[in-house]
Amino acid sequence: MLSKPKNVTAAQWVAQVQEEGGVLAALPCHLWPPSQTRQLAIGRLPGDIGKANWWSRKRPTQGNGFEDWFPESAACDPEILSLEWDRLTLAGMSYQQFAKDGVLVQLEAAARGIAPAICAHFVDSGYTQLHSFRLGDMLHAFNRLMGDPLRRPSKPAFEGTIYEATAAIARKVRSLADARIIKLDMTARDVVFCPKLHEAENGNLEEHGYGYDGLQTIKGIPYINGFNGRFCKKIPQSSTGYDADCAYLLMMLVLVADVKAAYGLASSKLMLHKILGKTTSGADLPIDELIPDFEGIGLARASRKAGEGSRLSDFCASLKSALLSYEEGDPGPHMHAFQEETTKDLKDIVESQALESLWHDKAQIDPARKFFAVLVGSLQDSTEVSTDIFNPAVPTNETLDALERIHHVERRLMAVVGARVQNVSLT
């Protein structure tokens, strides 16, 4: 891969490559031998595959046709380890559109292994590491299971999957924060699961990772995707008020609030329990049973650190500056509203020690209080969302009854769709 020339900025380089019809790639560093020290493997593809017109949306993204078409590792860079390239690409590719104003952040996140690897980026689209499903798909399937009395005995296993996957998601969000990248529109739609291929005893590459009831044969590990420049910012080193703990805390809380609003209390509680150091049922975990890197992803610890000195106030000031410096002119009243709400709600959560209270089962905040409701409502295109993430209640029989009614309606609807499709195919 051809590196960025030293005499141009990253933004100028990306614009130049696009203007020339070139192709960029952003790949995780483990594709190269350990002896090769690479900070961020972002480069321009060489030869024929470095031309945008070589790539096409009509290309096959999986199967034999894909394997015949997709380039070998040496075509991208002769130093790439072929086995690692196969592990990354043999499952297939996802074709996706990229936000024009978020290209730089998307490329950096992909090179850091936080977002799916980008094997080809041209104009505003390209091919990325295959993602098989989204967190939203998993949570929707969980609600369908909860609404089906015959399948409900599988609930503990499904709860365990969501619970364990939350730690892997939290690590990605923490990596974003450590890289000084803020993604305010953190939703379940933007958490994607990509197959992780490992060599089995028979020599074949098999998928590993998290799966779920209804999609057991497809597995993946989580990545963060979808970097829209309106909500996603790279905070420069010159911004001295930035704080990684505050950034991590904010992004994870927005994600949990989105999950609560879109998929209900049961899912959001499972996620909160994992990053508060509790069991799936909410009991405290002994210190020696916490995951090894819990200090980095525990919400209560992040909240405590955010409350030290002026860290939170300084971070909120740097966040305001970043969000309101929208490159395409005035950010408009909505971004002002998002900024005001997010900083106020984050301060309230930290100053009330709400997370510390949840950790010790002592309520210190109104459980009906909604957090990040304006932001989440906008992201879900809804005027009314339920983001009371500190609601201590557990799903009641009434909640399960509602899920059952939804499940029955879905089944009837799909039966109607199936009948209509059959009629169309017969005529």
Protein backbone atom coordinates (compact mmCIF):
# COMPACT_ATOMS: atom_id res chain seq x y z
CA MET A 1 0.00 0.00 0.00
CA LEU A 2 1.20 3.50 -0.80
CA SER A 3 1.49 5.78 2.23
CA LYS A 4 0.30 9.36 2.46
CA PRO A 5 2.85 11.87 1.13
CA LYS A 6 4.42 13.91 3.92
CA ASN A 7 3.71 17.27 2.33
CA VAL A 8 -0.11 17.03 2.45
CA THR A 9 -2.68 16.70 5.21
CA ALA A 10 -4.82 13.58 5.58
CA ALA A 11 -7.91 15.44 4.35
CA GLN A 12 -6.06 16.77 1.30
CA TRP A 13 -4.70 13.30 0.53
CA VAL A 14 -8.13 11.62 0.70
CA ALA A 15 -9.61 14.32 -1.53
CA GLN A 16 -6.74 13.94 -4.00
CA VAL A 17 -7.08 10.14 -4.17
CA GLN A 18 -10.82 10.41 -4.76
CA GLU A 19 -10.37 13.07 -7.44
CA GLU A 20 -7.89 10.82 -9.25
CA GLY A 21 -10.24 7.81 -9.09
CA GLY A 22 -7.97 6.01 -6.65
CA VAL A 23 -8.76 3.51 -3.91
CA LEU A 24 -7.83 3.59 -0.21
CA ALA A 25 -7.61 0.77 2.30
CA ALA A 26 -7.52 0.75 6.11
CA LEU A 27 -6.41 -2.57 7.58
CA PRO A 28 -5.58 -3.80 11.11
CA CYS A 29 -1.87 -4.05 11.86
CA HIS A 30 -1.98 -7.78 12.70
CA LEU A 31 -2.06 -8.50 8.95
CA TRP A 32 1.67 -7.69 8.86
CA PRO A 33 4.51 -9.54 10.63
CA PRO A 34 5.10 -8.40 14.24
CA SER A 35 8.56 -7.17 13.22
CA GLN A 36 6.93 -4.46 11.10
CA THR A 37 5.91 -1.62 13.38
CA ARG A 38 2.89 0.18 11.94
CA GLN A 39 0.86 2.78 13.79
CA LEU A 40 -2.05 3.02 11.36
CA ALA A 41 -2.14 0.91 8.21
CA ILE A 42 -3.98 3.34 5.94
CA GLY A 43 -2.77 3.51 2.36
CA ARG A 44 -3.57 3.76 -1.32
CA LEU A 45 -3.91 0.49 -3.19
CA PRO A 46 -1.44 -0.03 -6.06
CA GLY A 47 -1.87 -1.28 -9.64
CA ASP A 48 -5.22 -2.19 -11.17
CA ILE A 49 -6.94 -2.66 -7.82
CA GLY A 50 -5.96 0.91 -6.99
CA LYS A 51 -8.43 2.19 -9.60
CA ALA A 52 -12.02 2.84 -8.57
CA ASN A 53 -13.41 1.57 -11.87
CA TRP A 54 -11.88 -1.88 -11.15
CA TRP A 55 -14.30 -2.25 -8.25
CA SER A 56 -18.01 -2.59 -8.85
CA ARG A 57 -21.11 -2.94 -6.74
CA LYS A 58 -22.12 -5.82 -9.01
CA ARG A 59 -19.15 -7.86 -7.88
CA PRO A 60 -20.07 -10.99 -5.83
CA THR A 61 -19.48 -10.45 -2.11
CA GLN A 62 -19.47 -14.14 -1.09
CA GLY A 63 -19.08 -17.63 -2.59
CA ASN A 64 -17.03 -19.05 -5.46
CA GLY A 65 -17.47 -16.00 -7.66
CA PHE A 66 -16.15 -13.81 -4.86
CA GLU A 67 -13.08 -16.00 -4.31
CA ASP A 68 -12.28 -15.93 -8.03
CA TRP A 69 -12.55 -12.14 -8.15
CA PHE A 70 -11.25 -10.78 -4.85
CA PRO A 71 -7.53 -9.87 -4.89
CA GLU A 72 -4.85 -11.88 -3.11
CA SER A 73 -2.95 -10.29 -0.25
CA ALA A 74 0.16 -9.66 -2.38
CA ALA A 75 -1.85 -7.44 -4.74
CA CYS A 76 -2.50 -5.06 -1.85
CA ASP A 77 0.88 -5.31 -0.14
CA PRO A 78 3.52 -8.06 -0.59
CA GLU A 79 4.32 -7.89 3.14
CA ILE A 80 0.81 -8.86 4.27
CA LEU A 81 0.60 -12.32 5.83
CA SER A 82 -1.52 -14.42 3.45
CA LEU A 83 -3.10 -16.53 6.22
CA GLU A 84 -4.18 -13.42 8.14
CA TRP A 85 -5.57 -11.97 4.90
CA ASP A 86 -7.58 -15.14 4.34
CA ARG A 87 -8.93 -15.01 7.89
CA LEU A 88 -10.08 -11.47 7.28
CA THR A 89 -11.54 -11.85 3.79
CA LEU A 90 -12.58 -15.43 3.02
CA ALA A 91 -15.93 -15.08 4.78
CA GLY A 92 -16.79 -12.41 2.22
CA MET A 93 -17.17 -8.65 2.07
CA SER A 94 -19.87 -6.10 2.86
CA TYR A 95 -20.55 -3.34 0.35
CA GLN A 96 -21.51 -0.13 2.11
CA GLN A 97 -21.92 3.59 1.69
CA PHE A 98 -19.74 5.90 3.80
CA ALA A 99 -20.66 9.30 5.17
CA LYS A 100 -18.70 11.82 3.12
CA ASP A 101 -17.85 13.96 6.14
CA GLY A 102 -16.76 10.98 8.27
CA VAL A 103 -14.22 9.35 5.95
CA LEU A 104 -11.12 10.19 7.99
CA VAL A 105 -12.63 8.91 11.24
CA GLN A 106 -13.95 5.75 9.54
CA LEU A 107 -10.50 5.01 8.07
CA GLU A 108 -8.74 5.51 11.39
CA ALA A 109 -11.26 3.39 13.31
CA ALA A 110 -10.88 0.59 10.75
CA ALA A 111 -7.08 0.70 10.92
CA ARG A 112 -7.26 0.50 14.71
CA GLY A 113 -9.47 -2.60 14.53
CA ILE A 114 -12.43 -0.75 16.07
CA ALA A 115 -14.49 -0.58 12.87
CA PRO A 116 -14.62 -3.33 10.23
CA ALA A 117 -11.48 -3.36 8.07
CA ILE A 118 -11.81 -1.38 4.84
CA CYS A 119 -10.37 -3.32 1.91
CA ALA A 120 -11.40 -0.76 -0.70
CA HIS A 121 -12.68 2.79 -0.24
CA PHE A 122 -13.54 4.85 -3.32
CA VAL A 123 -15.66 7.98 -3.61
CA ASP A 124 -18.32 7.49 -0.88
CA SER A 125 -18.59 3.68 -0.89
CA GLY A 126 -16.49 0.56 -0.74
CA TYR A 127 -15.94 -2.98 0.52
CA THR A 128 -15.43 -3.74 4.19
CA GLN A 129 -14.87 -6.81 6.31
CA LEU A 130 -18.11 -8.80 6.22
CA HIS A 131 -20.59 -8.06 8.98
CA SER A 132 -23.19 -10.80 9.40
CA PHE A 133 -25.63 -9.09 11.76
CA ARG A 134 -26.08 -6.10 14.02
CA LEU A 135 -26.62 -5.76 17.75
CA GLY A 136 -30.14 -4.59 16.93
CA ASP A 137 -30.83 -7.90 15.14
CA MET A 138 -29.69 -9.82 18.21
CA LEU A 139 -31.83 -7.76 20.60
CA HIS A 140 -34.87 -7.97 18.34
CA ALA A 141 -34.47 -11.77 18.26
CA PHE A 142 -34.23 -11.75 22.07
CA ASN A 143 -37.55 -9.91 22.35
CA ARG A 144 -39.14 -12.37 19.93
CA LEU A 145 -37.90 -15.26 22.08
CA MET A 146 -39.27 -13.56 25.20
CA GLY A 147 -42.62 -13.21 23.42
CA ASP A 148 -42.84 -16.89 22.48
CA PRO A 149 -43.79 -19.10 25.47
CA LEU A 150 -42.51 -22.22 23.68
CA ARG A 151 -39.03 -20.75 23.17
CA ARG A 152 -38.77 -18.91 26.48
CA PRO A 153 -36.89 -21.76 28.24
CA SER A 154 -33.91 -20.74 26.05
CA LYS A 155 -33.92 -17.30 27.71
CA PRO A 156 -30.96 -17.88 30.12
CA ALA A 157 -28.62 -18.89 27.29
CA PHE A 158 -29.65 -15.89 25.19
CA GLU A 159 -29.23 -13.57 28.18
CA GLY A 160 -25.71 -14.94 28.62
CA THR A 161 -24.86 -14.14 25.00
CA ILE A 162 -26.01 -10.51 25.27
CA TYR A 163 -24.28 -10.19 28.64
CA GLU A 164 -20.91 -11.50 27.40
CA ALA A 165 -21.07 -9.64 24.08
CA THR A 166 -21.52 -6.40 26.02
CA ALA A 167 -17.96 -6.63 27.36
CA ALA A 168 -16.58 -7.03 23.82
CA ILE A 169 -18.65 -4.03 22.67
CA ALA A 170 -17.45 -1.98 25.64
CA ARG A 171 -13.82 -2.71 24.73
CA LYS A 172 -14.37 -1.28 21.25
CA VAL A 173 -16.03 1.82 22.68
CA ARG A 174 -13.16 2.20 25.13
CA SER A 175 -10.69 1.98 22.25
CA LEU A 176 -12.60 4.77 20.49
CA ALA A 177 -12.35 6.93 23.59
CA ASP A 178 -8.63 6.19 24.01
CA ALA A 179 -8.12 7.20 20.35
CA ARG A 180 -9.83 10.55 21.10
CA ILE A 181 -12.76 9.69 18.82
CA ILE A 182 -16.23 10.72 19.97
CA LYS A 183 -19.21 8.97 18.38
CA LEU A 184 -22.28 10.57 19.85
CA ASP A 185 -24.78 8.65 17.69
CA MET A 186 -23.97 5.36 19.38
CA THR A 187 -26.87 3.04 18.50
CA ALA A 188 -27.49 -0.69 18.33
CA ARG A 189 -27.65 -0.36 14.53
CA ASP A 190 -24.02 0.75 14.45
CA VAL A 191 -22.68 -2.23 16.42
CA VAL A 192 -22.00 -4.90 13.80
CA PHE A 193 -20.74 -8.46 14.25
CA CYS A 194 -18.05 -9.73 11.85
CA PRO A 195 -17.05 -13.41 11.52
CA LYS A 196 -13.70 -14.26 13.10
CA LEU A 197 -12.16 -17.15 11.18
CA HIS A 198 -9.92 -19.63 12.97
CA GLU A 199 -8.25 -22.77 11.68
CA ALA A 200 -10.06 -25.92 12.85
CA GLU A 201 -8.44 -29.32 13.47
CA ASN A 202 -9.32 -30.39 9.92
CA GLY A 203 -7.44 -27.39 8.53
CA ASN A 204 -10.57 -25.49 7.45
CA LEU A 205 -11.28 -21.94 8.55
CA GLU A 206 -14.38 -21.76 10.74
CA GLU A 207 -16.35 -18.85 12.19
CA HIS A 208 -15.96 -18.02 15.86
CA GLY A 209 -17.58 -15.36 18.01
CA TYR A 210 -21.07 -14.67 19.30
CA GLY A 211 -24.20 -16.14 17.78
CA TYR A 212 -27.77 -16.19 19.01
CA ASP A 213 -30.95 -18.26 19.04
CA GLY A 214 -32.32 -18.29 15.51
CA LEU A 215 -28.94 -17.61 13.90
CA GLN A 216 -26.74 -20.20 15.61
CA THR A 217 -24.60 -21.08 12.61
CA ILE A 218 -23.49 -17.48 12.02
CA LYS A 219 -21.12 -15.99 14.54
CA GLY A 220 -19.13 -12.79 14.88
CA ILE A 221 -17.31 -10.38 17.13
CA PRO A 222 -18.49 -6.77 17.53
CA TYR A 223 -17.16 -3.69 15.76
CA ILE A 224 -18.36 -0.10 15.69
CA ASN A 225 -19.54 1.12 12.30
CA GLY A 226 -21.15 4.19 10.73
CA PHE A 227 -19.16 7.38 11.33
CA ASN A 228 -21.23 10.42 10.41
CA GLY A 229 -19.22 13.62 10.66
CA ARG A 230 -22.14 15.44 12.23
CA PHE A 231 -22.01 13.24 15.34
CA CYS A 232 -18.50 11.77 15.16
CA LYS A 233 -15.38 13.83 15.82
CA LYS A 234 -11.69 13.23 16.25
CA ILE A 235 -10.67 15.47 19.14
CA PRO A 236 -7.28 17.03 18.38
CA GLN A 237 -4.37 16.77 20.80
CA SER A 238 -4.52 20.54 21.19
CA SER A 239 -7.84 20.16 23.02
CA THR A 240 -6.49 19.79 26.55
CA GLY A 241 -9.91 19.30 28.11
CA TYR A 242 -10.51 15.93 26.49
CA ASP A 243 -10.82 12.99 28.89
CA ALA A 244 -11.03 9.35 27.75
CA ASP A 245 -12.98 8.20 30.83
CA CYS A 246 -15.63 10.87 30.28
CA ALA A 247 -15.83 10.03 26.58
CA TYR A 248 -16.19 6.29 27.23
CA LEU A 249 -18.82 6.90 29.91
CA LEU A 250 -20.87 9.15 27.62
CA MET A 251 -20.78 6.83 24.60
CA MET A 252 -21.70 3.71 26.59
CA LEU A 253 -24.56 5.46 28.36
CA VAL A 254 -25.95 6.75 25.06
CA LEU A 255 -25.77 3.20 23.67
CA VAL A 256 -27.60 1.75 26.70
CA ALA A 257 -30.22 4.53 26.44
CA ASP A 258 -30.74 3.70 22.76
CA VAL A 259 -31.11 0.00 23.59
CA LYS A 260 -33.62 0.80 26.37
CA ALA A 261 -35.71 2.94 24.03
CA ALA A 262 -35.61 0.62 21.01
CA TYR A 263 -35.53 -2.86 22.58
CA GLY A 264 -36.75 -2.50 26.14
CA LEU A 265 -35.67 -2.83 29.73
CA ALA A 266 -34.55 -6.46 29.72
CA SER A 267 -31.78 -5.94 27.14
CA SER A 268 -30.54 -2.66 28.59
CA LYS A 269 -30.37 -4.17 32.08
CA LEU A 270 -28.25 -7.08 30.87
CA MET A 271 -25.81 -4.64 29.29
CA LEU A 272 -25.68 -2.43 32.38
CA HIS A 273 -25.14 -5.41 34.66
CA LYS A 274 -22.11 -6.54 32.67
CA ILE A 275 -20.36 -3.17 32.80
CA LEU A 276 -21.32 -2.60 36.43
CA GLY A 277 -19.70 -5.85 37.57
CA LYS A 278 -22.92 -7.76 38.29
CA THR A 279 -24.36 -11.11 37.26
CA THR A 280 -27.12 -11.34 34.65
CA SER A 281 -29.68 -11.24 37.49
CA GLY A 282 -28.09 -8.17 39.09
CA ALA A 283 -26.17 -9.76 41.99
CA ASP A 284 -22.72 -8.41 42.81
CA LEU A 285 -19.79 -10.34 41.33
CA PRO A 286 -16.83 -11.06 43.63
CA ILE A 287 -13.73 -9.10 42.70
CA ASP A 288 -11.88 -12.24 41.60
CA GLU A 289 -14.68 -13.10 39.15
CA LEU A 290 -14.58 -9.80 37.27
CA ILE A 291 -13.09 -9.92 33.78
CA PRO A 292 -9.36 -9.03 33.72
CA ASP A 293 -9.80 -5.67 31.98
CA PHE A 294 -12.82 -4.60 34.03
CA GLU A 295 -11.01 -1.50 35.31
CA GLY A 296 -10.97 -0.16 31.77
CA ILE A 297 -14.64 -0.77 30.96
CA GLY A 298 -16.38 -0.60 34.35
CA LEU A 299 -18.91 2.25 34.31
CA ALA A 300 -18.78 3.00 38.04
CA ARG A 301 -15.01 3.48 37.92
CA ALA A 302 -15.24 5.68 34.83
CA SER A 303 -17.89 7.78 36.56
CA ARG A 304 -15.75 8.16 39.69
CA LYS A 305 -12.74 9.28 37.64
CA ALA A 306 -14.90 11.68 35.63
CA GLY A 307 -15.98 13.32 38.88
CA GLU A 308 -12.42 14.10 39.99
CA GLY A 309 -11.54 17.79 40.01
CA SER A 310 -12.54 19.69 36.88
CA ARG A 311 -12.24 16.72 34.49
CA LEU A 312 -15.95 16.57 33.65
CA SER A 313 -16.36 20.33 33.18
CA ASP A 314 -13.27 20.52 30.98
CA PHE A 315 -14.47 17.55 28.92
CA CYS A 316 -17.94 19.05 28.41
CA ALA A 317 -16.33 22.27 27.20
CA SER A 318 -14.16 20.37 24.70
CA LEU A 319 -17.18 18.33 23.57
CA LYS A 320 -19.20 21.48 22.97
CA SER A 321 -16.40 22.97 20.91
CA ALA A 322 -16.05 19.78 18.82
CA LEU A 323 -19.77 19.27 18.17
CA LEU A 324 -20.47 22.85 17.21
CA SER A 325 -17.51 23.12 14.82
CA TYR A 326 -19.40 21.44 12.00
CA GLU A 327 -17.35 21.78 8.83
CA GLU A 328 -20.26 22.48 6.50
CA GLY A 329 -21.38 25.66 8.26
CA ASP A 330 -23.72 26.31 11.16
CA PRO A 331 -24.59 23.07 13.00
CA GLY A 332 -28.14 24.28 13.49
CA PRO A 333 -30.45 24.29 16.53
CA HIS A 334 -30.64 20.50 16.77
CA MET A 335 -26.90 20.08 17.43
CA HIS A 336 -27.06 22.84 20.03
CA ALA A 337 -29.91 20.94 21.72
CA PHE A 338 -27.99 17.66 21.60
CA GLN A 339 -24.92 19.31 23.07
CA GLU A 340 -26.86 20.98 25.89
CA GLU A 341 -28.73 17.79 26.76
CA THR A 342 -25.79 15.39 26.64
CA THR A 343 -23.51 17.53 28.80
CA LYS A 344 -26.27 18.25 31.33
CA ASP A 345 -27.35 14.62 31.60
CA LEU A 346 -23.76 13.39 31.84
CA LYS A 347 -23.07 15.86 34.64
CA ASP A 348 -26.23 14.80 36.49
CA ILE A 349 -25.28 11.11 36.29
CA VAL A 350 -21.73 11.73 37.52
CA GLU A 351 -22.61 14.26 40.23
CA SER A 352 -25.47 12.14 41.59
CA GLN A 353 -23.18 9.10 41.70
CA ALA A 354 -26.01 7.16 40.06
CA LEU A 355 -23.72 4.44 38.70
CA GLU A 356 -21.95 4.07 42.02
CA SER A 357 -25.37 3.73 43.64
CA LEU A 358 -26.47 1.06 41.18
CA TRP A 359 -23.24 -0.81 41.86
CA HIS A 360 -24.09 -0.84 45.60
CA ASP A 361 -27.87 -1.21 45.08
CA LYS A 362 -28.62 2.16 46.67
CA ALA A 363 -30.96 4.34 44.61
CA GLN A 364 -29.69 7.95 44.47
CA ILE A 365 -31.54 9.17 41.39
CA ASP A 366 -35.14 9.23 40.16
CA PRO A 367 -35.50 5.90 38.31
CA ALA A 368 -38.11 7.45 35.99
CA ARG A 369 -35.72 10.20 34.87
CA LYS A 370 -35.02 10.05 31.13
CA PHE A 371 -31.48 10.59 29.88
CA PHE A 372 -30.35 11.65 26.38
CA ALA A 373 -34.00 11.56 25.25
CA VAL A 374 -33.63 14.37 22.68
CA LEU A 375 -30.58 12.75 21.11
CA VAL A 376 -31.99 9.20 21.13
CA GLY A 377 -35.35 10.42 19.85
CA SER A 378 -33.63 12.09 16.92
CA LEU A 379 -31.52 9.00 16.16
CA GLN A 380 -34.66 6.85 16.19
CA ASP A 381 -36.74 9.47 14.37
CA SER A 382 -39.25 9.43 17.22
CA THR A 383 -40.87 12.17 19.28
CA GLU A 384 -41.23 10.01 22.38
CA VAL A 385 -38.62 7.53 23.65
CA SER A 386 -38.23 5.72 26.95
CA THR A 387 -34.64 6.27 28.10
CA ASP A 388 -35.05 5.76 31.87
CA ILE A 389 -31.95 3.55 32.00
CA PHE A 390 -31.80 3.54 35.81
CA ASN A 391 -35.21 1.92 36.17
CA PRO A 392 -34.52 -0.87 38.69
CA ALA A 393 -37.58 -2.91 37.75
CA VAL A 394 -37.34 -6.30 36.07
CA PRO A 395 -39.60 -7.44 33.22
CA THR A 396 -43.05 -8.15 34.65
CA ASN A 397 -45.73 -10.56 33.46
CA GLU A 398 -47.40 -7.57 31.85
CA THR A 399 -44.22 -6.89 29.85
CA LEU A 400 -44.03 -10.52 28.73
CA ASP A 401 -47.70 -10.43 27.77
CA ALA A 402 -47.00 -7.38 25.58
CA LEU A 403 -44.09 -9.17 23.92
CA GLU A 404 -46.30 -12.18 23.29
CA ARG A 405 -48.92 -9.98 21.62
CA ILE A 406 -46.24 -8.41 19.42
CA HIS A 407 -44.88 -11.85 18.55
CA HIS A 408 -48.32 -13.12 17.51
CA VAL A 409 -48.92 -10.02 15.38
CA GLU A 410 -45.54 -10.53 13.68
CA ARG A 411 -46.36 -14.17 12.94
CA ARG A 412 -49.72 -13.26 11.41
CA LEU A 413 -48.11 -10.49 9.38
CA MET A 414 -45.41 -12.81 8.03
CA ALA A 415 -48.08 -15.38 7.14
CA VAL A 416 -49.90 -12.74 5.10
CA VAL A 417 -46.64 -11.68 3.41
CA GLY A 418 -45.80 -15.30 2.61
CA ALA A 419 -49.23 -15.91 1.11
CA ARG A 420 -49.02 -12.81 -1.06
CA VAL A 421 -45.54 -13.72 -2.27
CA GLN A 422 -46.79 -17.19 -3.19
CA ASN A 423 -49.73 -15.70 -5.10
CA VAL A 424 -47.44 -13.35 -6.99
CA SER A 425 -45.05 -16.18 -7.91
CA LEU A 426 -47.93 -18.36 -9.12
CA THR A 427 -49.34 -15.68 -11.38
